[in-house]
C-alpha atoms as a PDB file:
ATOM      1  CA  MET A   1      84.189  95.852 119.027  1.00  0.00           C
ATOM      2  CA  ILE A   2      84.802  93.567 116.003  1.00  0.00           C
ATOM      3  CA  ASP A   3      81.843  90.776 115.404  1.00  0.00           C
ATOM      4  CA  ILE A   4      83.579  88.421 113.896  1.00  0.00           C
ATOM      5  CA  CYS A   5      80.714  86.291 112.649  1.00  0.00           C
ATOM      6  CA  GLU A   6      79.299  89.499 110.720  1.00  0.00           C
ATOM      7  CA  LEU A   7      83.183  89.863 109.097  1.00  0.00           C
ATOM      8  CA  THR A   8      83.137  85.773 108.407  1.00  0.00           C
ATOM      9  CA  SER A   9      79.881  86.712 106.420  1.00  0.00           C
ATOM     10  CA  LEU A  10      81.192  89.380 104.435  1.00  0.00           C
ATOM     11  CA  CYS A  11      84.320  87.945 103.249  1.00  0.00           C
ATOM     12  CA  ASP A  12      82.176  84.644 102.207  1.00  0.00           C
ATOM     13  CA  GLU A  13      80.011  87.211 100.080  1.00  0.00           C
ATOM     14  CA  LEU A  14      83.664  88.831  98.873  1.00  0.00           C
ATOM     15  CA  GLY A  15      85.627  85.337  97.959  1.00  0.00           C
ATOM     16  CA  CYS A  16      87.737  86.337 100.184  1.00  0.00           C
ATOM     17  CA  ARG A  17      89.564  83.712 103.332  1.00  0.00           C
ATOM     18  CA  ILE A  18      89.950  84.685 106.722  1.00  0.00           C
ATOM     19  CA  THR A  19      91.870  83.535 109.405  1.00  0.00           C
ATOM     20  CA  PRO A  20      90.356  84.608 113.774  1.00  0.00           C
ATOM     21  CA  ASN A  21      93.000  84.992 115.524  1.00  0.00           C
ATOM     22  CA  CYS A  22      95.932  84.826 114.092  1.00  0.00           C
ATOM     23  CA  SER A  23      99.600  84.725 114.862  1.00  0.00           C
ATOM     24  CA  LEU A  24     101.447  87.320 112.623  1.00  0.00           C
ATOM     25  CA  SER A  25     104.809  85.630 113.497  1.00  0.00           C
ATOM     26  CA  GLU A  26     103.750  82.882 110.511  1.00  0.00           C
ATOM     27  CA  TYR A  27     103.525  86.497 108.049  1.00  0.00           C
ATOM     28  CA  ILE A  28     106.365  88.789 109.218  1.00  0.00           C
ATOM     29  CA  THR A  29     109.748  87.720 107.813  1.00  0.00           C
ATOM     30  CA  PHE A  30     111.009  88.204 110.808  1.00  0.00           C
ATOM     31  CA  ARG A  31     109.331  85.454 112.336  1.00  0.00           C
ATOM     32  CA  PHE A  32     107.737  87.428 115.604  1.00  0.00           C
ATOM     33  CA  GLY A  33     104.926  88.562 116.755  1.00  0.00           C
ATOM     34  CA  GLY A  34     101.537  88.430 118.616  1.00  0.00           C
ATOM     35  CA  PRO A  35      98.382  87.763 117.337  1.00  0.00           C
ATOM     36  CA  CYS A  36      95.486  90.043 115.077  1.00  0.00           C
ATOM     37  CA  SER A  37      92.073  89.607 115.834  1.00  0.00           C
ATOM     38  CA  ALA A  38      91.540  88.316 112.028  1.00  0.00           C
ATOM     39  CA  LEU A  39      93.938  88.245 108.551  1.00  0.00           C
ATOM     40  CA  ILE A  40      91.941  88.655 105.748  1.00  0.00           C
ATOM     41  CA  SER A  41      93.671  87.755 102.029  1.00  0.00           C
ATOM     42  CA  ILE A  42      92.698  90.429  99.635  1.00  0.00           C
ATOM     43  CA  ASN A  43      91.747  89.078  96.606  1.00  0.00           C
ATOM     44  CA  SER A  44      90.396  91.422  94.178  1.00  0.00           C
ATOM     45  CA  ALA A  45      90.296  95.923  94.725  1.00  0.00           C
ATOM     46  CA  GLU A  46      86.764  95.728  94.301  1.00  0.00           C
ATOM     47  CA  SER A  47      86.408  93.567  97.768  1.00  0.00           C
ATOM     48  CA  ALA A  48      89.493  95.785  99.667  1.00  0.00           C
ATOM     49  CA  ALA A  49      87.254  98.890  98.948  1.00  0.00           C
ATOM     50  CA  ARG A  50      84.290  96.781 100.232  1.00  0.00           C
ATOM     51  CA  LEU A  51      86.177  95.492 103.566  1.00  0.00           C
ATOM     52  CA  ILE A  52      87.836  98.413 103.983  1.00  0.00           C
ATOM     53  CA  ARG A  53      84.743 100.445 103.897  1.00  0.00           C
ATOM     54  CA  TYR A  54      83.193  98.271 106.561  1.00  0.00           C
ATOM     55  CA  LEU A  55      86.052  98.714 108.395  1.00  0.00           C
ATOM     56  CA  LYS A  56      85.288 102.465 108.794  1.00  0.00           C
ATOM     57  CA  ASP A  57      82.031 101.799 109.140  1.00  0.00           C
ATOM     58  CA  HIS A  58      82.107 100.286 112.286  1.00  0.00           C
ATOM     59  CA  GLU A  59      85.405 101.839 113.497  1.00  0.00           C
ATOM     60  CA  ILE A  60      87.506  98.870 113.284  1.00  0.00           C
ATOM     61  CA  ARG A  61      91.539  99.301 113.188  1.00  0.00           C
ATOM     62  CA  TYR A  62      92.733  97.512 110.336  1.00  0.00           C
ATOM     63  CA  GLU A  63      96.358  97.652 108.433  1.00  0.00           C
ATOM     64  CA  ILE A  64      97.669  96.372 105.004  1.00  0.00           C
ATOM     65  CA  ILE A  65     100.658  94.189 105.092  1.00  0.00           C
ATOM     66  CA  GLY A  66     102.060  92.448 101.609  1.00  0.00           C
ATOM     67  CA  ARG A  67     104.236  89.437 102.201  1.00  0.00           C
ATOM     68  CA  GLY A  68     105.439  90.779 105.621  1.00  0.00           C
ATOM     69  CA  SER A  69     108.913  91.753 104.866  1.00  0.00           C
ATOM     70  CA  ASN A  70     109.568  95.395 106.036  1.00  0.00           C
ATOM     71  CA  ILE A  71     107.351  95.030 109.091  1.00  0.00           C
ATOM     72  CA  ILE A  72     108.495  94.283 112.510  1.00  0.00           C
ATOM     73  CA  ALA A  73     104.960  93.035 114.363  1.00  0.00           C
ATOM     74  CA  CYS A  74     104.644  93.608 118.278  1.00  0.00           C
ATOM     75  CA  ASP A  75     104.660  90.911 120.986  1.00  0.00           C
ATOM     76  CA  GLU A  76     101.473  92.221 122.004  1.00  0.00           C
ATOM     77  CA  GLY A  77     100.034  91.390 118.522  1.00  0.00           C
ATOM     78  CA  PHE A  78      97.536  94.143 116.526  1.00  0.00           C
ATOM     79  CA  ASP A  79      94.518  94.810 118.102  1.00  0.00           C
ATOM     80  CA  GLY A  80      92.597  95.112 115.056  1.00  0.00           C
ATOM     81  CA  ILE A  81      91.895  93.152 111.381  1.00  0.00           C
ATOM     82  CA  ILE A  82      94.949  92.541 108.796  1.00  0.00           C
ATOM     83  CA  LEU A  83      94.437  92.716 104.934  1.00  0.00           C
ATOM     84  CA  MET A  84      96.646  90.750 103.953  1.00  0.00           C
ATOM     85  CA  PHE A  85      97.357  91.367  99.547  1.00  0.00           C
ATOM     86  CA  GLY A  86      99.352  88.445  98.828  1.00  0.00           C
ATOM     87  CA  SER A  87      98.744  85.141  96.613  1.00  0.00           C
ATOM     88  CA  ASP A  88      95.250  85.723  96.153  1.00  0.00           C
ATOM     89  CA  PHE A  89      95.684  89.148  94.507  1.00  0.00           C
ATOM     90  CA  ALA A  90      98.747  88.895  92.834  1.00  0.00           C
ATOM     91  CA  ARG A  91      98.032  88.428  89.108  1.00  0.00           C
ATOM     92  CA  ILE A  92     100.469  90.030  86.393  1.00  0.00           C
ATOM     93  CA  GLU A  93      99.969  90.581  82.962  1.00  0.00           C
ATOM     94  CA  ARG A  94     101.851  91.956  79.923  1.00  0.00           C
ATOM     95  CA  HIS A  95     100.317  94.853  77.568  1.00  0.00           C
ATOM     96  CA  GLY A  96     102.904  95.670  75.077  1.00  0.00           C
ATOM     97  CA  ASP A  97     105.750  97.201  77.219  1.00  0.00           C
ATOM     98  CA  MET A  98     104.176  97.002  79.690  1.00  0.00           C
ATOM     99  CA  LEU A  99     104.046  95.107  83.017  1.00  0.00           C
ATOM    100  CA  ILE A 100     100.337  95.345  85.065  1.00  0.00           C
ATOM    101  CA  CYS A 101     100.555  94.017  88.435  1.00  0.00           C
ATOM    102  CA  GLN A 102      98.060  93.902  91.229  1.00  0.00           C
ATOM    103  CA  ALA A 103      99.513  95.021  94.108  1.00  0.00           C
ATOM    104  CA  GLY A 104     100.223  91.503  96.063  1.00  0.00           C
ATOM    105  CA  ALA A 105     102.588  89.902  93.196  1.00  0.00           C
ATOM    106  CA  LEU A 106     106.008  89.698  94.524  1.00  0.00           C
ATOM    107  CA  LEU A 107     108.524  92.066  92.966  1.00  0.00           C
ATOM    108  CA  ALA A 108     110.338  88.891  92.521  1.00  0.00           C
ATOM    109  CA  SER A 109     107.808  87.291  90.350  1.00  0.00           C
ATOM    110  CA  ALA A 110     107.050  90.678  88.577  1.00  0.00           C
ATOM    111  CA  CYS A 111     111.036  90.770  87.334  1.00  0.00           C
ATOM    112  CA  VAL A 112     111.077  86.879  86.403  1.00  0.00           C
ATOM    113  CA  HIS A 113     107.220  87.492  84.347  1.00  0.00           C
ATOM    114  CA  ALA A 114     109.283  90.433  82.469  1.00  0.00           C
ATOM    115  CA  GLN A 115     112.615  88.588  82.314  1.00  0.00           C
ATOM    116  CA  GLN A 116     110.107  85.338  80.253  1.00  0.00           C
ATOM    117  CA  GLU A 117     108.748  88.385  78.229  1.00  0.00           C
ATOM    118  CA  SER A 118     112.323  89.692  77.419  1.00  0.00           C
ATOM    119  CA  LEU A 119     111.447  92.990  78.819  1.00  0.00           C
ATOM    120  CA  SER A 120     113.734  95.036  80.769  1.00  0.00           C
ATOM    121  CA  GLY A 121     114.609  97.334  83.384  1.00  0.00           C
ATOM    122  CA  MET A 122     113.695  95.467  86.690  1.00  0.00           C
ATOM    123  CA  GLU A 123     116.827  93.184  86.661  1.00  0.00           C
ATOM    124  CA  ASN A 124     118.274  95.693  89.862  1.00  0.00           C
ATOM    125  CA  LEU A 125     115.114  94.868  91.471  1.00  0.00           C
ATOM    126  CA  PHE A 126     115.632  91.461  91.359  1.00  0.00           C
ATOM    127  CA  GLY A 127     116.072  89.557  94.353  1.00  0.00           C
ATOM    128  CA  ILE A 128     114.276  92.596  97.006  1.00  0.00           C
ATOM    129  CA  PRO A 129     111.682  91.084  98.843  1.00  0.00           C
ATOM    130  CA  GLY A 130     107.950  91.719  99.276  1.00  0.00           C
ATOM    131  CA  THR A 131     105.542  92.806  96.750  1.00  0.00           C
ATOM    132  CA  VAL A 132     105.012  94.924  94.055  1.00  0.00           C
ATOM    133  CA  GLY A 133     102.317  97.380  96.448  1.00  0.00           C
ATOM    134  CA  GLY A 134     104.631  97.598  98.937  1.00  0.00           C
ATOM    135  CA  ALA A 135     107.611  98.524  96.696  1.00  0.00           C
ATOM    136  CA  VAL A 136     106.088 101.384  94.862  1.00  0.00           C
ATOM    137  CA  CYS A 137     104.470 102.530  98.572  1.00  0.00           C
ATOM    138  CA  MET A 138     108.658 102.360  99.856  1.00  0.00           C
ATOM    139  CA  ASN A 139     109.618 103.439  96.836  1.00  0.00           C
ATOM    140  CA  ALA A 140     111.827 100.212  96.604  1.00  0.00           C
ATOM    141  CA  GLY A 141     115.556 100.367  95.080  1.00  0.00           C
ATOM    142  CA  ALA A 142     118.796  98.874  94.303  1.00  0.00           C
ATOM    143  CA  TYR A 143     121.888  98.886  92.602  1.00  0.00           C
ATOM    144  CA  GLY A 144     120.970 102.669  91.136  1.00  0.00           C
ATOM    145  CA  SER A 145     117.316 101.258  90.281  1.00  0.00           C
ATOM    146  CA  GLU A 146     114.335 102.349  91.746  1.00  0.00           C
ATOM    147  CA  MET A 147     110.537 101.899  91.316  1.00  0.00           C
ATOM    148  CA  LYS A 148     110.283 105.508  90.155  1.00  0.00           C
ATOM    149  CA  ASP A 149     112.329 104.767  87.341  1.00  0.00           C
ATOM    150  CA  ILE A 150     110.097 102.122  85.579  1.00  0.00           C
ATOM    151  CA  VAL A 151     106.679 102.405  87.645  1.00  0.00           C
ATOM    152  CA  VAL A 152     103.490 105.141  85.431  1.00  0.00           C
ATOM    153  CA  SER A 153     100.804 104.662  87.563  1.00  0.00           C
ATOM    154  CA  ALA A 154      99.275 103.074  90.282  1.00  0.00           C
ATOM    155  CA  ASP A 155      95.542 102.235  91.067  1.00  0.00           C
ATOM    156  CA  TYR A 156      94.885 103.176  94.832  1.00  0.00           C
ATOM    157  CA  ILE A 157      91.877 102.987  97.507  1.00  0.00           C
ATOM    158  CA  ASP A 158      91.352 106.780  98.343  1.00  0.00           C
ATOM    159  CA  ASP A 159      89.378 108.050 102.306  1.00  0.00           C
ATOM    160  CA  GLU A 160      86.191 107.546 100.587  1.00  0.00           C
ATOM    161  CA  CYS A 161      87.491 103.609  99.312  1.00  0.00           C
ATOM    162  CA  ASN A 162      86.594 104.756  95.610  1.00  0.00           C
ATOM    163  CA  ILE A 163      89.149 103.355  93.098  1.00  0.00           C
ATOM    164  CA  ARG A 164      91.561 105.777  91.845  1.00  0.00           C
ATOM    165  CA  THR A 165      94.444 106.309  89.726  1.00  0.00           C
ATOM    166  CA  PHE A 166      97.705 108.444  90.256  1.00  0.00           C
ATOM    167  CA  THR A 167     100.597 109.205  87.756  1.00  0.00           C
ATOM    168  CA  ASN A 168     104.054 108.754  88.848  1.00  0.00           C
ATOM    169  CA  GLU A 169     104.838 112.423  88.923  1.00  0.00           C
ATOM    170  CA  GLU A 170     101.281 112.427  91.808  1.00  0.00           C
ATOM    171  CA  MET A 171     103.207 109.728  93.551  1.00  0.00           C
ATOM    172  CA  ALA A 172     106.054 111.946  95.314  1.00  0.00           C
ATOM    173  CA  LEU A 173     108.108 109.177  94.909  1.00  0.00           C
ATOM    174  CA  SER A 174     111.587 109.437  96.761  1.00  0.00           C
ATOM    175  CA  TYR A 175     113.976 108.009  99.103  1.00  0.00           C
ATOM    176  CA  ARG A 176     111.944 105.598 100.984  1.00  0.00           C
ATOM    177  CA  HIS A 177     108.818 107.748 100.709  1.00  0.00           C
ATOM    178  CA  SER A 178     105.681 108.089  98.352  1.00  0.00           C
ATOM    179  CA  ILE A 179     102.143 109.821  98.593  1.00  0.00           C
ATOM    180  CA  PHE A 180     101.508 106.492 100.149  1.00  0.00           C
ATOM    181  CA  THR A 181     103.272 106.684 103.016  1.00  0.00           C
ATOM    182  CA  ASP A 182     101.845 110.219 103.897  1.00  0.00           C
ATOM    183  CA  LYS A 183      98.517 109.031 103.323  1.00  0.00           C
ATOM    184  CA  HIS A 184      96.105 105.788 104.204  1.00  0.00           C
ATOM    185  CA  TYR A 185      95.608 105.343 100.668  1.00  0.00           C
ATOM    186  CA  VAL A 186      95.941 101.587  99.693  1.00  0.00           C
ATOM    187  CA  ILE A 187      97.532 100.546  96.078  1.00  0.00           C
ATOM    188  CA  THR A 188      95.841  97.935  94.579  1.00  0.00           C
ATOM    189  CA  SER A 189      97.633  97.553  90.770  1.00  0.00           C
ATOM    190  CA  VAL A 190     100.668  98.995  89.321  1.00  0.00           C
ATOM    191  CA  THR A 191     101.763  99.701  85.880  1.00  0.00           C
ATOM    192  CA  MET A 192     105.680  99.650  84.877  1.00  0.00           C
ATOM    193  CA  LYS A 193     106.917 100.483  81.695  1.00  0.00           C
ATOM    194  CA  LEU A 194     110.060  98.300  80.784  1.00  0.00           C
ATOM    195  CA  VAL A 195     112.197  98.147  77.360  1.00  0.00           C
ATOM    196  CA  GLN A 196     112.561  95.123  74.770  1.00  0.00           C
ATOM    197  CA  GLY A 197     115.872  93.211  75.673  1.00  0.00           C
ATOM    198  CA  ASP A 198     117.396  90.276  75.274  1.00  0.00           C
ATOM    199  CA  PRO A 199     116.277  87.411  77.381  1.00  0.00           C
ATOM    200  CA  ASP A 200     119.128  85.481  77.670  1.00  0.00           C
ATOM    201  CA  GLU A 201     121.383  88.690  79.104  1.00  0.00           C
ATOM    202  CA  ILE A 202     118.078  89.905  81.460  1.00  0.00           C
ATOM    203  CA  ARG A 203     118.634  86.765  82.922  1.00  0.00           C
ATOM    204  CA  ARG A 204     122.158  86.662  83.888  1.00  0.00           C
ATOM    205  CA  ALA A 205     121.875  90.669  85.242  1.00  0.00           C
ATOM    206  CA  MET A 206     119.119  88.970  87.482  1.00  0.00           C
ATOM    207  CA  ASN A 207     121.889  86.327  88.536  1.00  0.00           C
ATOM    208  CA  GLU A 208     124.427  88.557  88.905  1.00  0.00           C
ATOM    209  CA  CYS A 209     122.469  91.049  91.043  1.00  0.00           C
ATOM    210  CA  MET A 210     120.995  87.691  93.041  1.00  0.00           C
ATOM    211  CA  SER A 211     124.798  86.419  93.786  1.00  0.00           C
ATOM    212  CA  LYS A 212     125.809  89.826  95.009  1.00  0.00           C
ATOM    213  CA  ARG A 213     122.968  89.923  97.594  1.00  0.00           C
ATOM    214  CA  SER A 214     124.007  86.650  98.454  1.00  0.00           C
ATOM    215  CA  ALA A 215     127.788  87.538  99.239  1.00  0.00           C
ATOM    216  CA  LYS A 216     126.784  90.159 101.116  1.00  0.00           C
ATOM    217  CA  GLN A 217     123.114  90.110 102.901  1.00  0.00           C
ATOM    218  CA  PRO A 218     122.351  87.601 105.661  1.00  0.00           C
ATOM    219  CA  LEU A 219     119.940  86.126 103.443  1.00  0.00           C
ATOM    220  CA  ASP A 220     119.655  83.004 105.670  1.00  0.00           C
ATOM    221  CA  PHE A 221     117.958  84.415 108.679  1.00  0.00           C
ATOM    222  CA  PRO A 222     115.059  85.843 109.475  1.00  0.00           C
ATOM    223  CA  SER A 223     115.143  89.907 109.264  1.00  0.00           C
ATOM    224  CA  ALA A 224     112.960  93.152 107.704  1.00  0.00           C
ATOM    225  CA  GLY A 225     115.575  93.818 105.264  1.00  0.00           C
ATOM    226  CA  SER A 226     117.370  96.726 106.042  1.00  0.00           C
ATOM    227  CA  THR A 227     117.266  98.340 109.325  1.00  0.00           C
ATOM    228  CA  PHE A 228     117.821 101.438 108.874  1.00  0.00           C
ATOM    229  CA  LYS A 229     117.489 104.173 106.245  1.00  0.00           C
ATOM    230  CA  ARG A 230     120.726 105.443 104.983  1.00  0.00           C
ATOM    231  CA  PRO A 231     121.092 109.280 106.403  1.00  0.00           C
ATOM    232  CA  GLN A 232     122.656 112.184 104.147  1.00  0.00           C
ATOM    233  CA  GLY A 233     125.866 111.938 103.911  1.00  0.00           C
ATOM    234  CA  SER A 234     126.788 108.268 104.729  1.00  0.00           C
ATOM    235  CA  TYR A 235     125.153 104.927 104.882  1.00  0.00           C
ATOM    236  CA  ALA A 236     123.624 103.365 108.272  1.00  0.00           C
ATOM    237  CA  SER A 237     125.871 100.142 107.436  1.00  0.00           C
ATOM    238  CA  LEU A 238     129.200 101.994 107.767  1.00  0.00           C
ATOM    239  CA  LEU A 239     127.988 104.217 110.422  1.00  0.00           C
ATOM    240  CA  ILE A 240     127.185 101.095 112.606  1.00  0.00           C
ATOM    241  CA  GLU A 241     130.040  98.639 112.100  1.00  0.00           C
ATOM    242  CA  GLN A 242     132.518 102.329 112.404  1.00  0.00           C
ATOM    243  CA  CYS A 243     130.920 102.091 115.745  1.00  0.00           C
ATOM    244  CA  GLY A 244     132.044  98.404 116.279  1.00  0.00           C
ATOM    245  CA  LEU A 245     128.490  97.404 116.808  1.00  0.00           C
ATOM    246  CA  LYS A 246     128.612  94.292 114.440  1.00  0.00           C
ATOM    247  CA  GLY A 247     127.700  91.319 116.175  1.00  0.00           C
ATOM    248  CA  MET A 248     125.525  93.223 119.072  1.00  0.00           C
ATOM    249  CA  THR A 249     123.403  91.665 120.791  1.00  0.00           C
ATOM    250  CA  CYS A 250     119.862  91.890 122.338  1.00  0.00           C
ATOM    251  CA  GLY A 251     117.978  88.508 123.591  1.00  0.00           C
ATOM    252  CA  GLY A 252     117.791  86.721 120.126  1.00  0.00           C
ATOM    253  CA  ALA A 253     118.422  89.739 117.624  1.00  0.00           C
ATOM    254  CA  MET A 254     121.488  90.659 116.707  1.00  0.00           C
ATOM    255  CA  VAL A 255     123.724  92.909 114.169  1.00  0.00           C
ATOM    256  CA  SER A 256     124.428  90.854 111.414  1.00  0.00           C
ATOM    257  CA  GLU A 257     128.451  90.525 111.503  1.00  0.00           C
ATOM    258  CA  LYS A 258     127.869  89.565 107.528  1.00  0.00           C
ATOM    259  CA  HIS A 259     125.726  93.142 106.656  1.00  0.00           C
ATOM    260  CA  SER A 260     125.973  95.563 109.748  1.00  0.00           C
ATOM    261  CA  GLY A 261     123.012  97.110 107.977  1.00  0.00           C
ATOM    262  CA  PHE A 262     120.306  94.098 108.719  1.00  0.00           C
ATOM    263  CA  ILE A 263     119.630  93.057 112.393  1.00  0.00           C
ATOM    264  CA  ILE A 264     118.822  89.574 112.431  1.00  0.00           C
ATOM    265  CA  ASN A 265     116.763  87.224 114.196  1.00  0.00           C
ATOM    266  CA  LYS A 266     118.830  84.476 115.505  1.00  0.00           C
ATOM    267  CA  GLY A 267     116.260  81.888 116.175  1.00  0.00           C
ATOM    268  CA  PHE A 268     114.423  83.235 119.353  1.00  0.00           C
ATOM    269  CA  ALA A 269     113.938  87.101 119.069  1.00  0.00           C
ATOM    270  CA  THR A 270     111.012  88.866 120.117  1.00  0.00           C
ATOM    271  CA  CYS A 271     109.944  92.318 118.842  1.00  0.00           C
ATOM    272  CA  ALA A 272     111.267  93.918 121.959  1.00  0.00           C
ATOM    273  CA  ASP A 273     114.423  92.515 121.642  1.00  0.00           C
ATOM    274  CA  VAL A 274     114.787  94.164 118.306  1.00  0.00           C
ATOM    275  CA  LEU A 275     113.600  97.825 119.319  1.00  0.00           C
ATOM    276  CA  GLU A 276     115.767  97.658 122.469  1.00  0.00           C
ATOM    277  CA  LEU A 277     118.849  96.811 119.925  1.00  0.00           C
ATOM    278  CA  CYS A 278     117.472  99.132 117.744  1.00  0.00           C
ATOM    279  CA  GLY A 279     117.419 101.644 120.478  1.00  0.00           C
ATOM    280  CA  ARG A 280     120.900 101.161 121.350  1.00  0.00           C
ATOM    281  CA  ILE A 281     122.231 101.209 118.321  1.00  0.00           C
ATOM    282  CA  GLN A 282     120.983 104.845 117.413  1.00  0.00           C
ATOM    283  CA  GLN A 283     122.213 105.955 120.546  1.00  0.00           C
ATOM    284  CA  ILE A 284     125.355 105.006 120.154  1.00  0.00           C
ATOM    285  CA  VAL A 285     125.477 105.836 116.786  1.00  0.00           C
ATOM    286  CA  ARG A 286     124.278 109.363 117.880  1.00  0.00           C
ATOM    287  CA  GLU A 287     127.138 110.175 120.560  1.00  0.00           C
ATOM    288  CA  LYS A 288     129.784 108.813 118.601  1.00  0.00           C
ATOM    289  CA  THR A 289     128.982 110.353 115.126  1.00  0.00           C
ATOM    290  CA  GLY A 290     126.714 112.729 115.494  1.00  0.00           C
ATOM    291  CA  TYR A 291     124.507 110.746 112.918  1.00  0.00           C
ATOM    292  CA  GLU A 292     120.651 110.276 113.795  1.00  0.00           C
ATOM    293  CA  LEU A 293     119.328 106.612 112.090  1.00  0.00           C
ATOM    294  CA  GLU A 294     115.541 106.324 111.390  1.00  0.00           C
ATOM    295  CA  LEU A 295     114.188 102.724 110.992  1.00  0.00           C
ATOM    296  CA  GLU A 296     113.037 101.450 107.775  1.00  0.00           C
ATOM    297  CA  PRO A 297     110.685  99.044 108.605  1.00  0.00           C
ATOM    298  CA  VAL A 298     106.840  99.567 109.650  1.00  0.00           C
ATOM    299  CA  ILE A 299     106.042  99.197 113.091  1.00  0.00           C
ATOM    300  CA  LEU A 300     103.067  97.319 113.412  1.00  0.00           C
ATOM    301  CA  LYS A 301     101.088  97.468 117.135  1.00  0.00           C
END
């Protein structure tokens, strides 16, 4: 049983904002999802550690979200607490050729900050939605670049609610995977090593990257980004297109006609619509090609 009054008092003590009975559709880029018991906006690593300790001690379910860009939230909602690492926990600082970002900083904001500081190495990551913490957790990447190429270390909250640090090697970063996808550790800060560059050239590269995204991806519709991980030996979008599934719909969910690797919300999609469509795609691709497609977004349920 969640004592919202007691939890609110703790949030007041820590200076964190809490919203009881909060609709997840407002915080998930897919723009659907039922309510959670409460959503708490994290403002520091210490606050996060205190809150997680409280939730564990009281056996209360909780999950972490950033800006909700790689998440499928269930229509029934989430019977627990959502800890949001967002704008209240988004400081970005430069230290020499290092960029230190709190976990809630937008990856796009970190790219812009680096450009303004004449630091190169993040250009191909510009336009990837979500936070720096989420990007490290999933080892986000695009156009030949990945977070593992620039991350030096990450501070995190361990199982005992202590704040510790992993090096790049200890994070086991690989394609859409890290130690954080295997364990319930919580990233609080990320340090990235960049190189000195020309700010105008960096900006041109960022603009070129964003132009490619705009031309190829359905950015004008709500989605969770790429729906399926890349299977070994092929591409999810290629397999889906070869199976003639572009434009396939289920309720308000549709395989994008612009990029078949995206399932989009036409404006009235539910979680059930998206999951049913994903299941149909996986079955048809399996039957026609032999490939098994694995969902990339996390299902919050």
